[in-house]
Amino acid sequence: QLQLVESGGGLVQPGGSLRLSCAASGFTVDSYAIGWFRQAPGKEREGVSCISRSSGNPDYVDYNDSVKGRFTISRDNAKNTVYLQMNSLKPEDTAVYYCAALRTVHYMCIMVPLGPPFGSWGQGTQVTVSS
């Protein structure tokens, strides 16, 4: 069973930092493009960042304009985990954050969930930015 499990959320003050983890099981995390999404109350789920699967090319990464320069996505193959380092957090970053395997165009990740063989969205991890 292919599964991704999110963790690392919490309550942080504006300007603070958090690191989210997306742990893979049933597959190696570098064999699929992986992305982070978030959903704030009353809003649509939106893509935050993605990282391509391992290939002969340097990893391709992409970010939503609202997080560029503040968030960094990375992958640790030894831990079979993708991370989202979030710095300079703002109240508008408050949301439930989810990770998912993604579709690709050539070797570039796009913020569209892959679907099967992966299931539906996981539990997510809550990030709250508030003073």
Foldseek 3Di string as FASTA:
>chain_A
DWAWDKDWADEAAQQAKTKMKIAIPPDFLLVFKKFKWWDDPPGDIGTAKIWFHDDPDPIDMDGDPVQPPFWDWDDDRVRSMIMIIGGSDDQVVWTFMWMATADADPRHGDPHHPDPVDHDTDPGHTHGYHD
